[in-house]
Amino acid sequence: MTEIAKGVEGSLTSEQRADMTAMLNLLKDWDFKMDEESVAATVYSFALLKFNKSMFHAYEKDSEQRANMIDGYLQPYFVERLIKEVAEIGMESPLNRVCG
């Protein structure tokens, strides 16, 4: 997630970059517990929701439906594969077509 965020850093305003840095610092120290009081867990959940909504534009126009397409038990494996393959192969990855 950090690498993806850093990859778009140049397109953000200085305020957005500061917010992103603060959120990434929260995630860096996160214990991966989804406690209701955990700000880092909230940041992770929101980032994952936004990520899910950003995919499959070619297949579905509604962002909620796009998020639902990969939400579920296969989602972590799919996202991990997508991130690794796009990082290794870049824009030539066939999986890159699902990103918005």
PDB file of N, CA and C in Angstrom:
ATOM      1  N   MET A   1       0.826  -1.187   0.000  1.00  0.00           N
ATOM      2  CA  MET A   1       0.000   0.000   0.000  1.00  0.00           C
ATOM      3  C   MET A   1       0.873   1.254   0.000  1.00  0.00           C
ATOM      4  N   THR A   2       1.977   1.183   0.731  1.00  0.00           N
ATOM      5  CA  THR A   2       2.877   2.330   0.807  1.00  0.00           C
ATOM      6  C   THR A   2       3.454   2.661  -0.560  1.00  0.00           C
ATOM      7  N   GLU A   3       3.863   1.645  -1.305  1.00  0.00           N
ATOM      8  CA  GLU A   3       4.444   1.871  -2.626  1.00  0.00           C
ATOM      9  C   GLU A   3       3.419   2.475  -3.580  1.00  0.00           C
ATOM     10  N   ILE A   4       2.183   2.018  -3.508  1.00  0.00           N
ATOM     11  CA  ILE A   4       1.124   2.574  -4.354  1.00  0.00           C
ATOM     12  C   ILE A   4       0.917   4.050  -4.005  1.00  0.00           C
ATOM     13  N   ALA A   5       0.848   4.342  -2.724  1.00  0.00           N
ATOM     14  CA  ALA A   5       0.632   5.724  -2.289  1.00  0.00           C
ATOM     15  C   ALA A   5       1.787   6.621  -2.732  1.00  0.00           C
ATOM     16  N   LYS A   6       2.994   6.146  -2.571  1.00  0.00           N
ATOM     17  CA  LYS A   6       4.158   6.939  -2.969  1.00  0.00           C
ATOM     18  C   LYS A   6       4.197   7.148  -4.483  1.00  0.00           C
ATOM     19  N   GLY A   7       3.637   6.210  -5.228  1.00  0.00           N
ATOM     20  CA  GLY A   7       3.618   6.314  -6.678  1.00  0.00           C
ATOM     21  C   GLY A   7       2.745   7.440  -7.204  1.00  0.00           C
ATOM     22  N   VAL A   8       1.761   7.851  -6.426  1.00  0.00           N
ATOM     23  CA  VAL A   8       0.865   8.938  -6.861  1.00  0.00           C
ATOM     24  C   VAL A   8       1.185  10.251  -6.154  1.00  0.00           C
ATOM     25  N   GLU A   9       2.211  10.246  -5.352  1.00  0.00           N
ATOM     26  CA  GLU A   9       2.552  11.413  -4.540  1.00  0.00           C
ATOM     27  C   GLU A   9       2.706  12.693  -5.373  1.00  0.00           C
ATOM     28  N   GLY A  10       3.268  12.573  -6.568  1.00  0.00           N
ATOM     29  CA  GLY A  10       3.496  13.738  -7.406  1.00  0.00           C
ATOM     30  C   GLY A  10       2.226  14.409  -7.894  1.00  0.00           C
ATOM     31  N   SER A  11       1.112  13.699  -7.884  1.00  0.00           N
ATOM     32  CA  SER A  11      -0.145  14.283  -8.364  1.00  0.00           C
ATOM     33  C   SER A  11      -0.976  14.880  -7.233  1.00  0.00           C
ATOM     34  N   LEU A  12      -0.439  14.900  -6.029  1.00  0.00           N
ATOM     35  CA  LEU A  12      -1.181  15.407  -4.870  1.00  0.00           C
ATOM     36  C   LEU A  12      -0.765  16.828  -4.520  1.00  0.00           C
ATOM     37  N   THR A  13      -1.666  17.550  -3.879  1.00  0.00           N
ATOM     38  CA  THR A  13      -1.321  18.868  -3.354  1.00  0.00           C
ATOM     39  C   THR A  13      -0.444  18.678  -2.124  1.00  0.00           C
ATOM     40  N   SER A  14       0.175  19.742  -1.654  1.00  0.00           N
ATOM     41  CA  SER A  14       1.035  19.628  -0.472  1.00  0.00           C
ATOM     42  C   SER A  14       0.224  19.202   0.754  1.00  0.00           C
ATOM     43  N   GLU A  15      -1.018  19.664   0.845  1.00  0.00           N
ATOM     44  CA  GLU A  15      -1.883  19.263   1.966  1.00  0.00           C
ATOM     45  C   GLU A  15      -2.224  17.770   1.878  1.00  0.00           C
ATOM     46  N   GLN A  16      -2.519  17.299   0.677  1.00  0.00           N
ATOM     47  CA  GLN A  16      -2.820  15.877   0.490  1.00  0.00           C
ATOM     48  C   GLN A  16      -1.590  15.013   0.780  1.00  0.00           C
ATOM     49  N   ARG A  17      -0.412  15.481   0.378  1.00  0.00           N
ATOM     50  CA  ARG A  17       0.825  14.733   0.672  1.00  0.00           C
ATOM     51  C   ARG A  17       1.059  14.642   2.175  1.00  0.00           C
ATOM     52  N   ALA A  18       0.803  15.738   2.884  1.00  0.00           N
ATOM     53  CA  ALA A  18       0.973  15.742   4.345  1.00  0.00           C
ATOM     54  C   ALA A  18      -0.002  14.757   4.994  1.00  0.00           C
ATOM     55  N   ASP A  19      -1.259  14.752   4.528  1.00  0.00           N
ATOM     56  CA  ASP A  19      -2.255  13.810   5.048  1.00  0.00           C
ATOM     57  C   ASP A  19      -1.834  12.373   4.757  1.00  0.00           C
ATOM     58  N   MET A  20      -1.361  12.133   3.528  1.00  0.00           N
ATOM     59  CA  MET A  20      -0.943  10.792   3.151  1.00  0.00           C
ATOM     60  C   MET A  20       0.226  10.323   4.021  1.00  0.00           C
ATOM     61  N   THR A  21       1.182  11.201   4.257  1.00  0.00           N
ATOM     62  CA  THR A  21       2.329  10.845   5.090  1.00  0.00           C
ATOM     63  C   THR A  21       1.886  10.502   6.507  1.00  0.00           C
ATOM     64  N   ALA A  22       0.964  11.280   7.049  1.00  0.00           N
ATOM     65  CA  ALA A  22       0.456  11.007   8.400  1.00  0.00           C
ATOM     66  C   ALA A  22      -0.253   9.653   8.444  1.00  0.00           C
ATOM     67  N   MET A  23      -1.052   9.361   7.420  1.00  0.00           N
ATOM     68  CA  MET A  23      -1.768   8.080   7.390  1.00  0.00           C
ATOM     69  C   MET A  23      -0.800   6.909   7.216  1.00  0.00           C
ATOM     70  N   LEU A  24       0.205   7.074   6.366  1.00  0.00           N
ATOM     71  CA  LEU A  24       1.186   6.001   6.183  1.00  0.00           C
ATOM     72  C   LEU A  24       1.979   5.751   7.463  1.00  0.00           C
ATOM     73  N   ASN A  25       2.263   6.813   8.211  1.00  0.00           N
ATOM     74  CA  ASN A  25       2.950   6.637   9.502  1.00  0.00           C
ATOM     75  C   ASN A  25       2.080   5.866  10.484  1.00  0.00           C
ATOM     76  N   LEU A  26       0.774   6.116  10.476  1.00  0.00           N
ATOM     77  CA  LEU A  26      -0.135   5.344  11.325  1.00  0.00           C
ATOM     78  C   LEU A  26      -0.094   3.869  10.941  1.00  0.00           C
ATOM     79  N   LEU A  27      -0.116   3.601   9.640  1.00  0.00           N
ATOM     80  CA  LEU A  27      -0.102   2.208   9.178  1.00  0.00           C
ATOM     81  C   LEU A  27       1.216   1.520   9.480  1.00  0.00           C
ATOM     82  N   LYS A  28       2.304   2.268   9.428  1.00  0.00           N
ATOM     83  CA  LYS A  28       3.624   1.685   9.687  1.00  0.00           C
ATOM     84  C   LYS A  28       3.709   1.111  11.109  1.00  0.00           C
ATOM     85  N   ASP A  29       3.077   1.769  12.040  1.00  0.00           N
ATOM     86  CA  ASP A  29       3.123   1.338  13.444  1.00  0.00           C
ATOM     87  C   ASP A  29       1.912   0.516  13.866  1.00  0.00           C
ATOM     88  N   TRP A  30       1.055   0.171  12.920  1.00  0.00           N
ATOM     89  CA  TRP A  30      -0.188  -0.541  13.223  1.00  0.00           C
ATOM     90  C   TRP A  30       0.091  -1.994  13.591  1.00  0.00           C
ATOM     91  N   ASP A  31      -0.653  -2.511  14.564  1.00  0.00           N
ATOM     92  CA  ASP A  31      -0.503  -3.901  15.016  1.00  0.00           C
ATOM     93  C   ASP A  31      -1.435  -4.866  14.271  1.00  0.00           C
ATOM     94  N   PHE A  32      -2.125  -4.395  13.244  1.00  0.00           N
ATOM     95  CA  PHE A  32      -3.026  -5.177  12.393  1.00  0.00           C
ATOM     96  C   PHE A  32      -4.268  -5.684  13.123  1.00  0.00           C
ATOM     97  N   LYS A  33      -4.568  -5.091  14.248  1.00  0.00           N
ATOM     98  CA  LYS A  33      -5.798  -5.435  14.965  1.00  0.00           C
ATOM     99  C   LYS A  33      -6.890  -4.470  14.540  1.00  0.00           C
ATOM    100  N   MET A  34      -8.057  -5.023  14.244  1.00  0.00           N
ATOM    101  CA  MET A  34      -9.188  -4.214  13.786  1.00  0.00           C
ATOM    102  C   MET A  34     -10.036  -3.777  14.981  1.00  0.00           C
ATOM    103  N   ASP A  35      -9.418  -3.110  15.926  1.00  0.00           N
ATOM    104  CA  ASP A  35     -10.118  -2.610  17.105  1.00  0.00           C
ATOM    105  C   ASP A  35     -10.926  -1.364  16.752  1.00  0.00           C
ATOM    106  N   GLU A  36     -12.057  -1.192  17.410  1.00  0.00           N
ATOM    107  CA  GLU A  36     -12.916  -0.050  17.098  1.00  0.00           C
ATOM    108  C   GLU A  36     -12.269   1.277  17.464  1.00  0.00           C
ATOM    109  N   GLU A  37     -11.293   1.275  18.334  1.00  0.00           N
ATOM    110  CA  GLU A  37     -10.604   2.503  18.730  1.00  0.00           C
ATOM    111  C   GLU A  37      -9.345   2.759  17.897  1.00  0.00           C
ATOM    112  N   SER A  38      -9.016   1.868  16.986  1.00  0.00           N
ATOM    113  CA  SER A  38      -7.778   1.980  16.212  1.00  0.00           C
ATOM    114  C   SER A  38      -7.956   2.921  15.026  1.00  0.00           C
ATOM    115  N   VAL A  39      -7.237   4.034  15.065  1.00  0.00           N
ATOM    116  CA  VAL A  39      -7.271   4.975  13.949  1.00  0.00           C
ATOM    117  C   VAL A  39      -6.608   4.335  12.727  1.00  0.00           C
ATOM    118  N   ALA A  40      -5.522   3.609  12.941  1.00  0.00           N
ATOM    119  CA  ALA A  40      -4.823   2.951  11.832  1.00  0.00           C
ATOM    120  C   ALA A  40      -5.727   1.929  11.140  1.00  0.00           C
ATOM    121  N   ALA A  41      -6.527   1.193  11.903  1.00  0.00           N
ATOM    122  CA  ALA A  41      -7.461   0.230  11.308  1.00  0.00           C
ATOM    123  C   ALA A  41      -8.498   0.948  10.449  1.00  0.00           C
ATOM    124  N   THR A  42      -8.933   2.117  10.889  1.00  0.00           N
ATOM    125  CA  THR A  42      -9.878   2.910  10.111  1.00  0.00           C
ATOM    126  C   THR A  42      -9.228   3.400   8.819  1.00  0.00           C
ATOM    127  N   VAL A  43      -7.996   3.856   8.914  1.00  0.00           N
ATOM    128  CA  VAL A  43      -7.262   4.312   7.723  1.00  0.00           C
ATOM    129  C   VAL A  43      -7.125   3.160   6.726  1.00  0.00           C
ATOM    130  N   TYR A  44      -6.753   1.982   7.220  1.00  0.00           N
ATOM    131  CA  TYR A  44      -6.601   0.809   6.349  1.00  0.00           C
ATOM    132  C   TYR A  44      -7.929   0.447   5.680  1.00  0.00           C
ATOM    133  N   SER A  45      -8.998   0.401   6.461  1.00  0.00           N
ATOM    134  CA  SER A  45     -10.313   0.043   5.921  1.00  0.00           C
ATOM    135  C   SER A  45     -10.767   1.029   4.852  1.00  0.00           C
ATOM    136  N   PHE A  46     -10.582   2.313   5.111  1.00  0.00           N
ATOM    137  CA  PHE A  46     -10.975   3.331   4.150  1.00  0.00           C
ATOM    138  C   PHE A  46     -10.132   3.234   2.878  1.00  0.00           C
ATOM    139  N   ALA A  47      -8.812   3.039   3.027  1.00  0.00           N
ATOM    140  CA  ALA A  47      -7.929   2.921   1.859  1.00  0.00           C
ATOM    141  C   ALA A  47      -8.304   1.700   1.025  1.00  0.00           C
ATOM    142  N   LEU A  48      -8.610   0.602   1.677  1.00  0.00           N
ATOM    143  CA  LEU A  48      -8.994  -0.606   0.955  1.00  0.00           C
ATOM    144  C   LEU A  48     -10.322  -0.403   0.224  1.00  0.00           C
ATOM    145  N   LEU A  49     -11.277   0.267   0.854  1.00  0.00           N
ATOM    146  CA  LEU A  49     -12.549   0.558   0.200  1.00  0.00           C
ATOM    147  C   LEU A  49     -12.327   1.425  -1.038  1.00  0.00           C
ATOM    148  N   LYS A  50     -11.521   2.477  -0.914  1.00  0.00           N
ATOM    149  CA  LYS A  50     -11.236   3.348  -2.057  1.00  0.00           C
ATOM    150  C   LYS A  50     -10.513   2.577  -3.166  1.00  0.00           C
ATOM    151  N   PHE A  51      -9.592   1.710  -2.773  1.00  0.00           N
ATOM    152  CA  PHE A  51      -8.878   0.882  -3.748  1.00  0.00           C
ATOM    153  C   PHE A  51      -9.852  -0.022  -4.489  1.00  0.00           C
ATOM    154  N   ASN A  52     -10.720  -0.691  -3.763  1.00  0.00           N
ATOM    155  CA  ASN A  52     -11.708  -1.587  -4.382  1.00  0.00           C
ATOM    156  C   ASN A  52     -12.622  -0.830  -5.346  1.00  0.00           C
ATOM    157  N   LYS A  53     -13.033   0.377  -4.961  1.00  0.00           N
ATOM    158  CA  LYS A  53     -13.918   1.169  -5.812  1.00  0.00           C
ATOM    159  C   LYS A  53     -13.206   1.669  -7.068  1.00  0.00           C
ATOM    160  N   SER A  54     -11.882   1.723  -7.035  1.00  0.00           N
ATOM    161  CA  SER A  54     -11.123   2.258  -8.170  1.00  0.00           C
ATOM    162  C   SER A  54     -10.916   1.233  -9.283  1.00  0.00           C
ATOM    163  N   MET A  55     -11.301   0.011  -9.058  1.00  0.00           N
ATOM    164  CA  MET A  55     -11.039  -1.050 -10.022  1.00  0.00           C
ATOM    165  C   MET A  55     -12.270  -1.385 -10.854  1.00  0.00           C
ATOM    166  N   PHE A  56     -12.042  -2.067 -11.958  1.00  0.00           N
ATOM    167  CA  PHE A  56     -13.093  -2.617 -12.825  1.00  0.00           C
ATOM    168  C   PHE A  56     -13.982  -1.559 -13.486  1.00  0.00           C
ATOM    169  N   HIS A  57     -13.423  -0.398 -13.798  1.00  0.00           N
ATOM    170  CA  HIS A  57     -14.201   0.644 -14.481  1.00  0.00           C
ATOM    171  C   HIS A  57     -14.748   0.160 -15.826  1.00  0.00           C
ATOM    172  N   ALA A  58     -13.990  -0.681 -16.512  1.00  0.00           N
ATOM    173  CA  ALA A  58     -14.430  -1.163 -17.826  1.00  0.00           C
ATOM    174  C   ALA A  58     -15.626  -2.100 -17.725  1.00  0.00           C
ATOM    175  N   TYR A  59     -15.853  -2.668 -16.540  1.00  0.00           N
ATOM    176  CA  TYR A  59     -16.890  -3.678 -16.377  1.00  0.00           C
ATOM    177  C   TYR A  59     -18.125  -3.185 -15.641  1.00  0.00           C
ATOM    178  N   GLU A  60     -17.963  -2.144 -14.832  1.00  0.00           N
ATOM    179  CA  GLU A  60     -19.075  -1.674 -14.002  1.00  0.00           C
ATOM    180  C   GLU A  60     -18.912  -0.180 -13.741  1.00  0.00           C
ATOM    181  N   LYS A  61     -19.946   0.591 -13.989  1.00  0.00           N
ATOM    182  CA  LYS A  61     -19.870   2.042 -13.795  1.00  0.00           C
ATOM    183  C   LYS A  61     -20.080   2.457 -12.332  1.00  0.00           C
ATOM    184  N   ASP A  62     -20.873   1.713 -11.600  1.00  0.00           N
ATOM    185  CA  ASP A  62     -21.196   2.057 -10.216  1.00  0.00           C
ATOM    186  C   ASP A  62     -20.051   1.676  -9.279  1.00  0.00           C
ATOM    187  N   SER A  63     -19.528   2.642  -8.528  1.00  0.00           N
ATOM    188  CA  SER A  63     -18.368   2.389  -7.661  1.00  0.00           C
ATOM    189  C   SER A  63     -18.681   1.390  -6.543  1.00  0.00           C
ATOM    190  N   GLU A  64     -19.905   1.410  -6.021  1.00  0.00           N
ATOM    191  CA  GLU A  64     -20.274   0.456  -4.966  1.00  0.00           C
ATOM    192  C   GLU A  64     -20.260  -0.972  -5.512  1.00  0.00           C
ATOM    193  N   GLN A  65     -20.774  -1.142  -6.719  1.00  0.00           N
ATOM    194  CA  GLN A  65     -20.784  -2.476  -7.330  1.00  0.00           C
ATOM    195  C   GLN A  65     -19.361  -2.943  -7.640  1.00  0.00           C
ATOM    196  N   ARG A  66     -18.500  -1.984  -8.055  1.00  0.00           N
ATOM    197  CA  ARG A  66     -17.093  -2.355  -8.305  1.00  0.00           C
ATOM    198  C   ARG A  66     -16.441  -2.842  -7.022  1.00  0.00           C
ATOM    199  N   ALA A  67     -16.705  -2.158  -5.920  1.00  0.00           N
ATOM    200  CA  ALA A  67     -16.137  -2.569  -4.637  1.00  0.00           C
ATOM    201  C   ALA A  67     -16.632  -3.955  -4.249  1.00  0.00           C
ATOM    202  N   ASN A  68     -17.901  -4.230  -4.526  1.00  0.00           N
ATOM    203  CA  ASN A  68     -18.481  -5.536  -4.192  1.00  0.00           C
ATOM    204  C   ASN A  68     -17.926  -6.665  -5.051  1.00  0.00           C
ATOM    205  N   MET A  69     -17.422  -6.341  -6.246  1.00  0.00           N
ATOM    206  CA  MET A  69     -16.929  -7.374  -7.144  1.00  0.00           C
ATOM    207  C   MET A  69     -15.751  -8.153  -6.553  1.00  0.00           C
ATOM    208  N   ILE A  70     -14.919  -7.478  -5.755  1.00  0.00           N
ATOM    209  CA  ILE A  70     -13.764  -8.193  -5.210  1.00  0.00           C
ATOM    210  C   ILE A  70     -13.799  -8.296  -3.688  1.00  0.00           C
ATOM    211  N   ASP A  71     -14.837  -7.777  -3.074  1.00  0.00           N
ATOM    212  CA  ASP A  71     -14.966  -7.886  -1.627  1.00  0.00           C
ATOM    213  C   ASP A  71     -15.369  -9.303  -1.270  1.00  0.00           C
ATOM    214  N   GLY A  72     -14.675  -9.895  -0.368  1.00  0.00           N
ATOM    215  CA  GLY A  72     -15.002 -11.260   0.018  1.00  0.00           C
ATOM    216  C   GLY A  72     -13.746 -12.085   0.244  1.00  0.00           C
ATOM    217  N   TYR A  73     -13.923 -13.376   0.284  1.00  0.00           N
ATOM    218  CA  TYR A  73     -12.823 -14.245   0.689  1.00  0.00           C
ATOM    219  C   TYR A  73     -11.666 -14.284  -0.304  1.00  0.00           C
ATOM    220  N   LEU A  74     -11.874 -14.023  -1.580  1.00  0.00           N
ATOM    221  CA  LEU A  74     -10.784 -14.032  -2.546  1.00  0.00           C
ATOM    222  C   LEU A  74     -10.063 -12.692  -2.637  1.00  0.00           C
ATOM    223  N   GLN A  75     -10.638 -11.658  -2.093  1.00  0.00           N
ATOM    224  CA  GLN A  75     -10.106 -10.315  -2.246  1.00  0.00           C
ATOM    225  C   GLN A  75      -8.647 -10.177  -1.841  1.00  0.00           C
ATOM    226  N   PRO A  76      -8.205 -10.634  -0.681  1.00  0.00           N
ATOM    227  CA  PRO A  76      -6.791 -10.439  -0.321  1.00  0.00           C
ATOM    228  C   PRO A  76      -5.827 -11.087  -1.316  1.00  0.00           C
ATOM    229  N   TYR A  77      -6.162 -12.264  -1.808  1.00  0.00           N
ATOM    230  CA  TYR A  77      -5.281 -12.950  -2.748  1.00  0.00           C
ATOM    231  C   TYR A  77      -5.233 -12.225  -4.086  1.00  0.00           C
ATOM    232  N   PHE A  78      -6.380 -11.764  -4.540  1.00  0.00           N
ATOM    233  CA  PHE A  78      -6.448 -11.041  -5.803  1.00  0.00           C
ATOM    234  C   PHE A  78      -5.654  -9.746  -5.724  1.00  0.00           C
ATOM    235  N   VAL A  79      -5.863  -8.980  -4.678  1.00  0.00           N
ATOM    236  CA  VAL A  79      -5.184  -7.697  -4.523  1.00  0.00           C
ATOM    237  C   VAL A  79      -3.682  -7.904  -4.403  1.00  0.00           C
ATOM    238  N   GLU A  80      -3.260  -8.896  -3.636  1.00  0.00           N
ATOM    239  CA  GLU A  80      -1.830  -9.177  -3.502  1.00  0.00           C
ATOM    240  C   GLU A  80      -1.216  -9.511  -4.857  1.00  0.00           C
ATOM    241  N   ARG A  81      -1.881 -10.362  -5.623  1.00  0.00           N
ATOM    242  CA  ARG A  81      -1.375 -10.739  -6.944  1.00  0.00           C
ATOM    243  C   ARG A  81      -1.326  -9.523  -7.866  1.00  0.00           C
ATOM    244  N   LEU A  82      -2.382  -8.712  -7.844  1.00  0.00           N
ATOM    245  CA  LEU A  82      -2.442  -7.525  -8.681  1.00  0.00           C
ATOM    246  C   LEU A  82      -1.288  -6.579  -8.365  1.00  0.00           C
ATOM    247  N   ILE A  83      -1.083  -6.291  -7.103  1.00  0.00           N
ATOM    248  CA  ILE A  83      -0.032  -5.358  -6.701  1.00  0.00           C
ATOM    249  C   ILE A  83       1.345  -5.889  -7.086  1.00  0.00           C
ATOM    250  N   LYS A  84       1.608  -7.159  -6.792  1.00  0.00           N
ATOM    251  CA  LYS A  84       2.917  -7.733  -7.112  1.00  0.00           C
ATOM    252  C   LYS A  84       3.170  -7.744  -8.613  1.00  0.00           C
ATOM    253  N   GLU A  85       2.179  -8.159  -9.384  1.00  0.00           N
ATOM    254  CA  GLU A  85       2.382  -8.265 -10.826  1.00  0.00           C
ATOM    255  C   GLU A  85       2.551  -6.896 -11.471  1.00  0.00           C
ATOM    256  N   VAL A  86       1.743  -5.933 -11.080  1.00  0.00           N
ATOM    257  CA  VAL A  86       1.882  -4.597 -11.656  1.00  0.00           C
ATOM    258  C   VAL A  86       3.222  -3.986 -11.239  1.00  0.00           C
ATOM    259  N   ALA A  87       3.662  -4.251 -10.005  1.00  0.00           N
ATOM    260  CA  ALA A  87       4.960  -3.739  -9.558  1.00  0.00           C
ATOM    261  C   ALA A  87       6.107  -4.376 -10.345  1.00  0.00           C
ATOM    262  N   GLU A  88       5.992  -5.659 -10.655  1.00  0.00           N
ATOM    263  CA  GLU A  88       7.061  -6.366 -11.366  1.00  0.00           C
ATOM    264  C   GLU A  88       7.056  -6.078 -12.862  1.00  0.00           C
ATOM    265  N   ILE A  89       5.875  -6.118 -13.472  1.00  0.00           N
ATOM    266  CA  ILE A  89       5.777  -6.000 -14.926  1.00  0.00           C
ATOM    267  C   ILE A  89       5.450  -4.569 -15.350  1.00  0.00           C
ATOM    268  N   GLY A  90       4.757  -3.857 -14.503  1.00  0.00           N
ATOM    269  CA  GLY A  90       4.379  -2.489 -14.826  1.00  0.00           C
ATOM    270  C   GLY A  90       3.111  -2.420 -15.650  1.00  0.00           C
ATOM    271  N   MET A  91       3.043  -1.427 -16.478  1.00  0.00           N
ATOM    272  CA  MET A  91       1.840  -1.152 -17.264  1.00  0.00           C
ATOM    273  C   MET A  91       1.502  -2.269 -18.244  1.00  0.00           C
ATOM    274  N   GLU A  92       2.436  -3.131 -18.537  1.00  0.00           N
ATOM    275  CA  GLU A  92       2.203  -4.225 -19.481  1.00  0.00           C
ATOM    276  C   GLU A  92       1.439  -5.395 -18.855  1.00  0.00           C
ATOM    277  N   SER A  93       1.279  -5.390 -17.543  1.00  0.00           N
ATOM    278  CA  SER A  93       0.561  -6.470 -16.871  1.00  0.00           C
ATOM    279  C   SER A  93      -0.897  -6.515 -17.322  1.00  0.00           C
ATOM    280  N   PRO A  94      -1.395  -7.703 -17.685  1.00  0.00           N
ATOM    281  CA  PRO A  94      -2.813  -7.802 -18.024  1.00  0.00           C
ATOM    282  C   PRO A  94      -3.728  -7.386 -16.869  1.00  0.00           C
ATOM    283  N   LEU A  95      -3.253  -7.546 -15.641  1.00  0.00           N
ATOM    284  CA  LEU A  95      -4.060  -7.156 -14.491  1.00  0.00           C
ATOM    285  C   LEU A  95      -4.185  -5.648 -14.371  1.00  0.00           C
ATOM    286  N   ASN A  96      -3.308  -4.895 -15.009  1.00  0.00           N
ATOM    287  CA  ASN A  96      -3.386  -3.448 -14.955  1.00  0.00           C
ATOM    288  C   ASN A  96      -4.678  -2.923 -15.573  1.00  0.00           C
ATOM    289  N   ARG A  97      -5.299  -3.706 -16.438  1.00  0.00           N
ATOM    290  CA  ARG A  97      -6.538  -3.275 -17.092  1.00  0.00           C
ATOM    291  C   ARG A  97      -7.716  -3.157 -16.120  1.00  0.00           C
ATOM    292  N   VAL A  98      -7.644  -3.783 -14.951  1.00  0.00           N
ATOM    293  CA  VAL A  98      -8.757  -3.681 -14.002  1.00  0.00           C
ATOM    294  C   VAL A  98      -8.680  -2.431 -13.148  1.00  0.00           C
ATOM    295  N   CYS A  99      -7.551  -1.726 -13.202  1.00  0.00           N
ATOM    296  CA  CYS A  99      -7.389  -0.520 -12.415  1.00  0.00           C
ATOM    297  C   CYS A  99      -7.954   0.669 -13.173  1.00  0.00           C
ATOM    298  N   GLY A 100      -8.529   1.593 -12.421  1.00  0.00           N
ATOM    299  CA  GLY A 100      -9.149   2.778 -13.018  1.00  0.00           C
ATOM    300  C   GLY A 100      -8.185   3.872 -13.333  1.00  0.00           C
TER     301      GLY A 100
END
